[in-house]
Amino acid sequence: MTEQTYLANGNEVQLFEQAYRQRLPVMLTGPTGCGKTRLVEHMGLLLARPVVTISCHDDLTSSDLVGRFIVTGGDVVWTDGPLTRAVKAGAICYLDEVVEARHDSLAVLHSLTDHRRTLYLDRAGEVVQAPENFMLVCSYNPAYRSSLKELKPSFRQRFVTLPMDYLRADREAEVIVAEAGIDPAAAERLVRCATAIRTADEAFHYEPPSTRVLVTAAHLIAAGASELDAAQACVLAPLSSDGAISEGLREVAAAGLAGADSQSPNR
């Protein structure tokens, strides 16, 4: 990946860099596959900082983040967790889908997200002061989170929040062409198809297709698949197993892909 592979959708790059310069934590919000992770990777390159990614889930404990004592060769030794390693290395620590983590696990982040910028390793008896080049970044999808899960307002207010969304159609097509190398017209039809399905989401209530799945479909097209087959396998099939909804989505997709030749120029 190079810096040129990320296409900005607004001023998120500038705000991210300004937050980094001021040593402020950042929260990225937006639909799945809209580019949140790609932005973090891009900023790691731009700021010349390593990125440590932590995928959050229900079973993530504070020990998973900061570290624990482990028996090694008959000795009990402390082993740093990914958060601790990121702080010590002055890295960008990225907590992906932070809403999935337990609230008690996130409590260890509080001292890193205020003026202290300090990580307390109570079990190891160590206090780690974050260097100036350390940055904490979290992300989640507020529109499709579980109704039983929510980030506390007091936690959210510790972050500079950068809302993200899908790129406008022409820019999204540029990404698909750059990533998969398909014909621009085919990329435009894929985006038109996705836009129609995203609009239909208001009626069907499923998570809309992401830029990521469009790139996957484009790779199949580049390998010789028809646009309809690629859209069915990569865009439509993952959305719903309900037969009636699937049929409706196929009609929406077919309308969006209207004009596609049965023989792809990429065959």
C-alpha atoms as a PDB file:
ATOM      1  CA  MET A   1       0.000   0.000   0.000  1.00  0.00           C
ATOM      2  CA  THR A   2       1.195   3.518  -0.803  1.00  0.00           C
ATOM      3  CA  GLU A   3       0.022   6.928   0.327  1.00  0.00           C
ATOM      4  CA  GLN A   4      -1.679   7.418  -3.050  1.00  0.00           C
ATOM      5  CA  THR A   5      -4.105   4.520  -2.521  1.00  0.00           C
ATOM      6  CA  TYR A   6      -6.216   6.450   0.001  1.00  0.00           C
ATOM      7  CA  LEU A   7      -8.693   8.932  -1.476  1.00  0.00           C
ATOM      8  CA  ALA A   8      -9.930  11.477   1.045  1.00  0.00           C
ATOM      9  CA  ASN A   9     -13.671  12.018   1.383  1.00  0.00           C
ATOM     10  CA  GLY A  10     -13.336  15.352   3.142  1.00  0.00           C
ATOM     11  CA  ASN A  11     -10.915  16.879   5.611  1.00  0.00           C
ATOM     12  CA  GLU A  12     -10.345  13.697   7.637  1.00  0.00           C
ATOM     13  CA  VAL A  13      -6.639  13.490   6.742  1.00  0.00           C
ATOM     14  CA  GLN A  14      -5.970  17.060   7.888  1.00  0.00           C
ATOM     15  CA  LEU A  15      -7.987  16.664  11.101  1.00  0.00           C
ATOM     16  CA  PHE A  16      -6.304  13.339  11.889  1.00  0.00           C
ATOM     17  CA  GLU A  17      -2.865  14.895  11.475  1.00  0.00           C
ATOM     18  CA  GLN A  18      -3.828  17.929  13.558  1.00  0.00           C
ATOM     19  CA  ALA A  19      -5.071  15.630  16.327  1.00  0.00           C
ATOM     20  CA  TYR A  20      -1.791  13.707  16.162  1.00  0.00           C
ATOM     21  CA  ARG A  21       0.254  16.922  16.459  1.00  0.00           C
ATOM     22  CA  GLN A  22      -1.787  17.932  19.503  1.00  0.00           C
ATOM     23  CA  ARG A  23      -1.544  14.416  21.020  1.00  0.00           C
ATOM     24  CA  LEU A  24      -5.318  13.898  20.960  1.00  0.00           C
ATOM     25  CA  PRO A  25      -7.051  10.505  20.601  1.00  0.00           C
ATOM     26  CA  VAL A  26      -9.313  10.006  17.575  1.00  0.00           C
ATOM     27  CA  MET A  27     -12.569   8.106  17.117  1.00  0.00           C
ATOM     28  CA  LEU A  28     -13.503   7.120  13.544  1.00  0.00           C
ATOM     29  CA  THR A  29     -17.183   6.415  12.924  1.00  0.00           C
ATOM     30  CA  GLY A  30     -18.958   5.258   9.792  1.00  0.00           C
ATOM     31  CA  PRO A  31     -20.412   2.271   7.950  1.00  0.00           C
ATOM     32  CA  THR A  32     -18.504  -0.957   7.556  1.00  0.00           C
ATOM     33  CA  GLY A  33     -15.985  -0.907   4.730  1.00  0.00           C
ATOM     34  CA  CYS A  34     -16.054   2.856   4.150  1.00  0.00           C
ATOM     35  CA  GLY A  35     -12.286   3.226   4.647  1.00  0.00           C
ATOM     36  CA  LYS A  36     -11.720   3.678   8.392  1.00  0.00           C
ATOM     37  CA  THR A  37      -8.957   1.091   8.597  1.00  0.00           C
ATOM     38  CA  ARG A  38      -7.452   2.268   5.324  1.00  0.00           C
ATOM     39  CA  LEU A  39      -7.311   5.815   6.705  1.00  0.00           C
ATOM     40  CA  VAL A  40      -5.391   4.623   9.780  1.00  0.00           C
ATOM     41  CA  GLU A  41      -2.943   2.688   7.599  1.00  0.00           C
ATOM     42  CA  HIS A  42      -2.528   5.713   5.345  1.00  0.00           C
ATOM     43  CA  MET A  43      -1.868   7.998   8.301  1.00  0.00           C
ATOM     44  CA  GLY A  44       0.687   5.564   9.663  1.00  0.00           C
ATOM     45  CA  LEU A  45       2.596   5.951   6.410  1.00  0.00           C
ATOM     46  CA  LEU A  46       2.069   9.698   6.268  1.00  0.00           C
ATOM     47  CA  LEU A  47       3.222  10.236   9.862  1.00  0.00           C
ATOM     48  CA  ALA A  48       5.946   7.580   9.657  1.00  0.00           C
ATOM     49  CA  ARG A  49       4.538   5.691  12.634  1.00  0.00           C
ATOM     50  CA  PRO A  50       3.931   1.939  12.976  1.00  0.00           C
ATOM     51  CA  VAL A  51       0.299   0.885  13.402  1.00  0.00           C
ATOM     52  CA  VAL A  52      -0.673  -1.707  16.024  1.00  0.00           C
ATOM     53  CA  THR A  53      -4.185  -2.992  15.305  1.00  0.00           C
ATOM     54  CA  ILE A  54      -6.348  -4.607  17.974  1.00  0.00           C
ATOM     55  CA  SER A  55      -9.614  -6.236  16.869  1.00  0.00           C
ATOM     56  CA  CYS A  56     -12.107  -5.787  19.687  1.00  0.00           C
ATOM     57  CA  HIS A  57     -14.570  -8.500  20.736  1.00  0.00           C
ATOM     58  CA  ASP A  58     -16.700  -9.627  23.683  1.00  0.00           C
ATOM     59  CA  ASP A  59     -13.938 -11.677  25.280  1.00  0.00           C
ATOM     60  CA  LEU A  60     -11.264  -8.965  25.126  1.00  0.00           C
ATOM     61  CA  THR A  61      -9.981  -8.351  28.651  1.00  0.00           C
ATOM     62  CA  SER A  62      -7.813  -5.600  30.071  1.00  0.00           C
ATOM     63  CA  SER A  63      -5.035  -8.191  30.399  1.00  0.00           C
ATOM     64  CA  ASP A  64      -5.325  -8.902  26.675  1.00  0.00           C
ATOM     65  CA  LEU A  65      -4.624  -5.210  26.123  1.00  0.00           C
ATOM     66  CA  VAL A  66      -1.926  -4.388  28.665  1.00  0.00           C
ATOM     67  CA  GLY A  67      -0.276  -7.753  29.331  1.00  0.00           C
ATOM     68  CA  ARG A  68      -0.032 -10.508  31.914  1.00  0.00           C
ATOM     69  CA  PHE A  69       2.372 -12.689  33.856  1.00  0.00           C
ATOM     70  CA  ILE A  70       3.277 -15.898  31.999  1.00  0.00           C
ATOM     71  CA  VAL A  71       5.216 -18.928  33.198  1.00  0.00           C
ATOM     72  CA  THR A  72       8.253 -19.353  30.951  1.00  0.00           C
ATOM     73  CA  GLY A  73      10.993 -21.897  31.616  1.00  0.00           C
ATOM     74  CA  GLY A  74       9.957 -22.238  35.233  1.00  0.00           C
ATOM     75  CA  ASP A  75       9.984 -18.463  35.789  1.00  0.00           C
ATOM     76  CA  VAL A  76       7.021 -16.125  36.004  1.00  0.00           C
ATOM     77  CA  VAL A  77       7.644 -13.171  33.679  1.00  0.00           C
ATOM     78  CA  TRP A  78       5.591 -10.194  32.630  1.00  0.00           C
ATOM     79  CA  THR A  79       4.660 -10.051  28.937  1.00  0.00           C
ATOM     80  CA  ASP A  80       3.427  -6.774  27.486  1.00  0.00           C
ATOM     81  CA  GLY A  81       0.122  -6.757  25.615  1.00  0.00           C
ATOM     82  CA  PRO A  82      -0.370  -4.968  22.272  1.00  0.00           C
ATOM     83  CA  LEU A  83      -1.553  -1.718  23.867  1.00  0.00           C
ATOM     84  CA  THR A  84       1.506  -1.558  26.126  1.00  0.00           C
ATOM     85  CA  ARG A  85       3.840  -2.365  23.245  1.00  0.00           C
ATOM     86  CA  ALA A  86       2.238   0.361  21.137  1.00  0.00           C
ATOM     87  CA  VAL A  87       2.611   2.953  23.903  1.00  0.00           C
ATOM     88  CA  LYS A  88       6.256   2.096  24.518  1.00  0.00           C
ATOM     89  CA  ALA A  89       7.027   2.140  20.781  1.00  0.00           C
ATOM     90  CA  GLY A  90       5.278   5.448  20.163  1.00  0.00           C
ATOM     91  CA  ALA A  91       3.015   3.739  17.636  1.00  0.00           C
ATOM     92  CA  ILE A  92      -0.520   4.416  16.464  1.00  0.00           C
ATOM     93  CA  CYS A  93      -2.663   1.968  18.438  1.00  0.00           C
ATOM     94  CA  TYR A  94      -5.846   1.206  16.514  1.00  0.00           C
ATOM     95  CA  LEU A  95      -8.783  -0.432  18.315  1.00  0.00           C
ATOM     96  CA  ASP A  96     -11.070  -1.659  15.550  1.00  0.00           C
ATOM     97  CA  GLU A  97     -14.802  -1.917  16.386  1.00  0.00           C
ATOM     98  CA  VAL A  98     -14.195  -0.718  19.919  1.00  0.00           C
ATOM     99  CA  VAL A  99     -17.921  -0.945  20.720  1.00  0.00           C
ATOM    100  CA  GLU A 100     -17.552  -4.744  20.758  1.00  0.00           C
ATOM    101  CA  ALA A 101     -15.204  -4.621  23.773  1.00  0.00           C
ATOM    102  CA  ARG A 102     -16.446  -4.850  27.342  1.00  0.00           C
ATOM    103  CA  HIS A 103     -16.724  -1.573  29.226  1.00  0.00           C
ATOM    104  CA  ASP A 104     -14.467  -2.799  32.032  1.00  0.00           C
ATOM    105  CA  SER A 105     -11.760  -3.606  29.478  1.00  0.00           C
ATOM    106  CA  LEU A 106     -11.901  -0.087  28.059  1.00  0.00           C
ATOM    107  CA  ALA A 107     -11.332   1.471  31.481  1.00  0.00           C
ATOM    108  CA  VAL A 108      -7.562   1.018  31.037  1.00  0.00           C
ATOM    109  CA  LEU A 109      -7.732   3.562  28.199  1.00  0.00           C
ATOM    110  CA  HIS A 110      -9.008   6.416  30.363  1.00  0.00           C
ATOM    111  CA  SER A 111      -5.600   7.547  31.583  1.00  0.00           C
ATOM    112  CA  LEU A 112      -4.292   7.490  27.999  1.00  0.00           C
ATOM    113  CA  THR A 113      -7.088   9.669  26.668  1.00  0.00           C
ATOM    114  CA  ASP A 114      -6.759  12.658  28.979  1.00  0.00           C
ATOM    115  CA  HIS A 115      -3.985  15.030  30.038  1.00  0.00           C
ATOM    116  CA  ARG A 116      -2.074  12.227  31.791  1.00  0.00           C
ATOM    117  CA  ARG A 117      -1.344  10.178  28.629  1.00  0.00           C
ATOM    118  CA  THR A 118      -0.205   7.437  30.962  1.00  0.00           C
ATOM    119  CA  LEU A 119      -0.753   3.680  31.063  1.00  0.00           C
ATOM    120  CA  TYR A 120      -0.868   2.129  34.528  1.00  0.00           C
ATOM    121  CA  LEU A 121       0.226  -1.512  34.697  1.00  0.00           C
ATOM    122  CA  ASP A 122      -1.054  -2.277  38.170  1.00  0.00           C
ATOM    123  CA  ARG A 123      -0.120  -5.961  38.162  1.00  0.00           C
ATOM    124  CA  ALA A 124       3.407  -5.279  36.931  1.00  0.00           C
ATOM    125  CA  GLY A 125       3.829  -2.270  39.207  1.00  0.00           C
ATOM    126  CA  GLU A 126       4.830  -0.140  36.230  1.00  0.00           C
ATOM    127  CA  VAL A 127       3.744   3.266  34.986  1.00  0.00           C
ATOM    128  CA  VAL A 128       4.273   3.916  31.268  1.00  0.00           C
ATOM    129  CA  GLN A 129       4.265   7.513  30.088  1.00  0.00           C
ATOM    130  CA  ALA A 130       3.190   7.743  26.450  1.00  0.00           C
ATOM    131  CA  PRO A 131       5.771   9.472  24.254  1.00  0.00           C
ATOM    132  CA  GLU A 132       4.707  12.398  22.108  1.00  0.00           C
ATOM    133  CA  ASN A 133       4.463  10.260  18.972  1.00  0.00           C
ATOM    134  CA  PHE A 134       1.997   7.755  20.481  1.00  0.00           C
ATOM    135  CA  MET A 135      -1.597   8.019  19.274  1.00  0.00           C
ATOM    136  CA  LEU A 136      -4.745   6.132  20.231  1.00  0.00           C
ATOM    137  CA  VAL A 137      -7.359   5.617  17.503  1.00  0.00           C
ATOM    138  CA  CYS A 138     -10.656   3.754  17.835  1.00  0.00           C
ATOM    139  CA  SER A 139     -13.386   2.991  15.311  1.00  0.00           C
ATOM    140  CA  TYR A 140     -16.913   1.650  15.227  1.00  0.00           C
ATOM    141  CA  ASN A 141     -20.052   1.655  13.129  1.00  0.00           C
ATOM    142  CA  PRO A 142     -22.762   3.543  15.069  1.00  0.00           C
ATOM    143  CA  ALA A 143     -25.539   2.919  12.546  1.00  0.00           C
ATOM    144  CA  TYR A 144     -25.400  -0.896  12.730  1.00  0.00           C
ATOM    145  CA  ARG A 145     -24.245  -1.603  16.258  1.00  0.00           C
ATOM    146  CA  SER A 146     -26.160  -4.012  18.453  1.00  0.00           C
ATOM    147  CA  SER A 147     -28.944  -2.357  20.422  1.00  0.00           C
ATOM    148  CA  LEU A 148     -27.431  -3.980  23.513  1.00  0.00           C
ATOM    149  CA  LYS A 149     -24.049  -2.326  22.951  1.00  0.00           C
ATOM    150  CA  GLU A 150     -23.213   1.334  23.175  1.00  0.00           C
ATOM    151  CA  LEU A 151     -20.185   3.391  24.070  1.00  0.00           C
ATOM    152  CA  LYS A 152     -20.662   5.509  27.132  1.00  0.00           C
ATOM    153  CA  PRO A 153     -20.944   9.233  26.335  1.00  0.00           C
ATOM    154  CA  SER A 154     -18.176   9.895  28.853  1.00  0.00           C
ATOM    155  CA  PHE A 155     -15.910   7.580  26.836  1.00  0.00           C
ATOM    156  CA  ARG A 156     -16.852   9.030  23.437  1.00  0.00           C
ATOM    157  CA  GLN A 157     -16.208  12.562  24.659  1.00  0.00           C
ATOM    158  CA  ARG A 158     -12.574  11.722  25.304  1.00  0.00           C
ATOM    159  CA  PHE A 159     -11.960  11.540  21.542  1.00  0.00           C
ATOM    160  CA  VAL A 160     -11.859  13.794  18.533  1.00  0.00           C
ATOM    161  CA  THR A 161     -14.594  12.174  16.424  1.00  0.00           C
ATOM    162  CA  LEU A 162     -14.188  11.995  12.647  1.00  0.00           C
ATOM    163  CA  PRO A 163     -17.401  10.787  10.949  1.00  0.00           C
ATOM    164  CA  MET A 164     -16.721   8.922   7.701  1.00  0.00           C
ATOM    165  CA  ASP A 165     -18.926   7.719   4.870  1.00  0.00           C
ATOM    166  CA  TYR A 166     -18.657   6.108   1.465  1.00  0.00           C
ATOM    167  CA  LEU A 167     -16.870   8.101  -1.198  1.00  0.00           C
ATOM    168  CA  ARG A 168     -18.963   9.856  -3.794  1.00  0.00           C
ATOM    169  CA  ALA A 169     -19.608   7.642  -6.813  1.00  0.00           C
ATOM    170  CA  ASP A 170     -16.831   8.851  -9.116  1.00  0.00           C
ATOM    171  CA  ARG A 171     -14.200   8.636  -6.383  1.00  0.00           C
ATOM    172  CA  GLU A 172     -15.359   5.186  -5.294  1.00  0.00           C
ATOM    173  CA  ALA A 173     -15.036   4.012  -8.894  1.00  0.00           C
ATOM    174  CA  GLU A 174     -11.473   5.386  -8.931  1.00  0.00           C
ATOM    175  CA  VAL A 175     -10.625   3.243  -5.896  1.00  0.00           C
ATOM    176  CA  ILE A 176     -12.046   0.124  -7.561  1.00  0.00           C
ATOM    177  CA  VAL A 177     -10.069   0.732 -10.744  1.00  0.00           C
ATOM    178  CA  ALA A 178      -6.878   1.372  -8.762  1.00  0.00           C
ATOM    179  CA  GLU A 179      -7.308  -1.734  -6.598  1.00  0.00           C
ATOM    180  CA  ALA A 180      -8.511  -4.247  -9.201  1.00  0.00           C
ATOM    181  CA  GLY A 181      -7.484  -2.812 -12.548  1.00  0.00           C
ATOM    182  CA  ILE A 182     -10.880  -3.262 -14.225  1.00  0.00           C
ATOM    183  CA  ASP A 183     -12.354  -1.054 -16.925  1.00  0.00           C
ATOM    184  CA  PRO A 184     -13.599   2.303 -15.509  1.00  0.00           C
ATOM    185  CA  ALA A 185     -17.040   1.759 -17.034  1.00  0.00           C
ATOM    186  CA  ALA A 186     -17.373  -1.564 -15.196  1.00  0.00           C
ATOM    187  CA  ALA A 187     -16.282   0.088 -11.955  1.00  0.00           C
ATOM    188  CA  GLU A 188     -18.904   2.789 -12.453  1.00  0.00           C
ATOM    189  CA  ARG A 189     -21.601   0.148 -12.936  1.00  0.00           C
ATOM    190  CA  LEU A 190     -20.544  -1.644  -9.746  1.00  0.00           C
ATOM    191  CA  VAL A 191     -20.778   1.624  -7.827  1.00  0.00           C
ATOM    192  CA  ARG A 192     -24.172   2.367  -9.387  1.00  0.00           C
ATOM    193  CA  CYS A 193     -25.318  -1.089  -8.309  1.00  0.00           C
ATOM    194  CA  ALA A 194     -24.046  -0.553  -4.740  1.00  0.00           C
ATOM    195  CA  THR A 195     -25.625   2.900  -4.527  1.00  0.00           C
ATOM    196  CA  ALA A 196     -28.995   1.475  -5.504  1.00  0.00           C
ATOM    197  CA  ILE A 197     -28.684  -1.268  -2.874  1.00  0.00           C
ATOM    198  CA  ARG A 198     -27.592   1.226  -0.212  1.00  0.00           C
ATOM    199  CA  THR A 199     -30.688   3.251  -0.954  1.00  0.00           C
ATOM    200  CA  ALA A 200     -32.834   0.111  -0.758  1.00  0.00           C
ATOM    201  CA  ASP A 201     -31.332  -0.545   2.681  1.00  0.00           C
ATOM    202  CA  GLU A 202     -33.907   1.861   4.120  1.00  0.00           C
ATOM    203  CA  ALA A 203     -36.601  -0.657   3.229  1.00  0.00           C
ATOM    204  CA  PHE A 204     -34.753  -3.973   3.715  1.00  0.00           C
ATOM    205  CA  HIS A 205     -32.764  -3.113   6.886  1.00  0.00           C
ATOM    206  CA  TYR A 206     -29.458  -4.867   6.250  1.00  0.00           C
ATOM    207  CA  GLU A 207     -25.907  -3.628   6.350  1.00  0.00           C
ATOM    208  CA  PRO A 208     -25.215  -2.017   2.959  1.00  0.00           C
ATOM    209  CA  PRO A 209     -22.433  -3.203   0.632  1.00  0.00           C
ATOM    210  CA  SER A 210     -19.080  -1.637   1.358  1.00  0.00           C
ATOM    211  CA  THR A 211     -16.367  -0.349  -0.919  1.00  0.00           C
ATOM    212  CA  ARG A 212     -14.393  -3.403   0.199  1.00  0.00           C
ATOM    213  CA  VAL A 213     -16.905  -5.861  -1.302  1.00  0.00           C
ATOM    214  CA  LEU A 214     -16.996  -3.864  -4.521  1.00  0.00           C
ATOM    215  CA  VAL A 215     -13.230  -4.242  -4.807  1.00  0.00           C
ATOM    216  CA  THR A 216     -13.619  -7.991  -4.213  1.00  0.00           C
ATOM    217  CA  ALA A 217     -16.249  -8.181  -6.952  1.00  0.00           C
ATOM    218  CA  ALA A 218     -13.959  -6.211  -9.247  1.00  0.00           C
ATOM    219  CA  HIS A 219     -11.169  -8.751  -8.710  1.00  0.00           C
ATOM    220  CA  LEU A 220     -13.537 -11.509  -9.864  1.00  0.00           C
ATOM    221  CA  ILE A 221     -14.448  -9.452 -12.915  1.00  0.00           C
ATOM    222  CA  ALA A 222     -10.748  -8.946 -13.639  1.00  0.00           C
ATOM    223  CA  ALA A 223     -10.372 -12.728 -13.479  1.00  0.00           C
ATOM    224  CA  GLY A 224     -13.089 -13.203 -16.091  1.00  0.00           C
ATOM    225  CA  ALA A 225     -16.374 -13.386 -14.162  1.00  0.00           C
ATOM    226  CA  SER A 226     -19.387 -11.544 -15.545  1.00  0.00           C
ATOM    227  CA  GLU A 227     -20.435  -8.435 -13.669  1.00  0.00           C
ATOM    228  CA  LEU A 228     -23.736 -10.007 -12.614  1.00  0.00           C
ATOM    229  CA  ASP A 229     -22.032 -13.163 -11.335  1.00  0.00           C
ATOM    230  CA  ALA A 230     -19.442 -11.112  -9.441  1.00  0.00           C
ATOM    231  CA  ALA A 231     -22.121  -8.889  -7.936  1.00  0.00           C
ATOM    232  CA  GLN A 232     -24.169 -11.913  -6.912  1.00  0.00           C
ATOM    233  CA  ALA A 233     -21.246 -13.677  -5.234  1.00  0.00           C
ATOM    234  CA  CYS A 234     -19.590 -10.710  -3.551  1.00  0.00           C
ATOM    235  CA  VAL A 235     -22.271  -8.073  -3.067  1.00  0.00           C
ATOM    236  CA  LEU A 236     -25.681  -9.731  -2.875  1.00  0.00           C
ATOM    237  CA  ALA A 237     -25.119 -13.171  -1.327  1.00  0.00           C
ATOM    238  CA  PRO A 238     -23.542 -11.866   1.903  1.00  0.00           C
ATOM    239  CA  LEU A 239     -26.404  -9.420   2.533  1.00  0.00           C
ATOM    240  CA  SER A 240     -29.341 -11.722   3.176  1.00  0.00           C
ATOM    241  CA  SER A 241     -30.383 -15.377   3.166  1.00  0.00           C
ATOM    242  CA  ASP A 242     -34.060 -14.444   2.913  1.00  0.00           C
ATOM    243  CA  GLY A 243     -35.286 -15.612  -0.496  1.00  0.00           C
ATOM    244  CA  ALA A 244     -37.722 -12.757  -1.053  1.00  0.00           C
ATOM    245  CA  ILE A 245     -35.179 -10.118  -0.096  1.00  0.00           C
ATOM    246  CA  SER A 246     -32.476 -11.782  -2.190  1.00  0.00           C
ATOM    247  CA  GLU A 247     -34.734 -11.743  -5.238  1.00  0.00           C
ATOM    248  CA  GLY A 248     -35.495  -8.066  -4.694  1.00  0.00           C
ATOM    249  CA  LEU A 249     -31.795  -7.300  -4.339  1.00  0.00           C
ATOM    250  CA  ARG A 250     -31.046  -9.159  -7.585  1.00  0.00           C
ATOM    251  CA  GLU A 251     -33.517  -6.943  -9.391  1.00  0.00           C
ATOM    252  CA  VAL A 252     -31.940  -3.847  -7.888  1.00  0.00           C
ATOM    253  CA  ALA A 253     -28.474  -5.080  -8.859  1.00  0.00           C
ATOM    254  CA  ALA A 254     -29.507  -5.936 -12.398  1.00  0.00           C
ATOM    255  CA  ALA A 255     -30.901  -2.440 -12.838  1.00  0.00           C
ATOM    256  CA  GLY A 256     -27.689  -0.922 -11.492  1.00  0.00           C
ATOM    257  CA  LEU A 257     -25.571  -3.042 -13.838  1.00  0.00           C
ATOM    258  CA  ALA A 258     -27.713  -2.305 -16.880  1.00  0.00           C
ATOM    259  CA  GLY A 259     -25.518  -1.798 -19.908  1.00  0.00           C
ATOM    260  CA  ALA A 260     -22.917  -4.375 -18.923  1.00  0.00           C
ATOM    261  CA  ASP A 261     -21.874  -6.582 -21.805  1.00  0.00           C
ATOM    262  CA  SER A 262     -22.411 -10.287 -21.293  1.00  0.00           C
ATOM    263  CA  GLN A 263     -18.793 -10.758 -22.314  1.00  0.00           C
ATOM    264  CA  SER A 264     -16.572  -8.726 -20.010  1.00  0.00           C
ATOM    265  CA  PRO A 265     -13.641  -6.899 -21.672  1.00  0.00           C
ATOM    266  CA  ASN A 266     -11.507  -8.325 -18.839  1.00  0.00           C
ATOM    267  CA  ARG A 267     -12.068 -11.925 -19.907  1.00  0.00           C
END
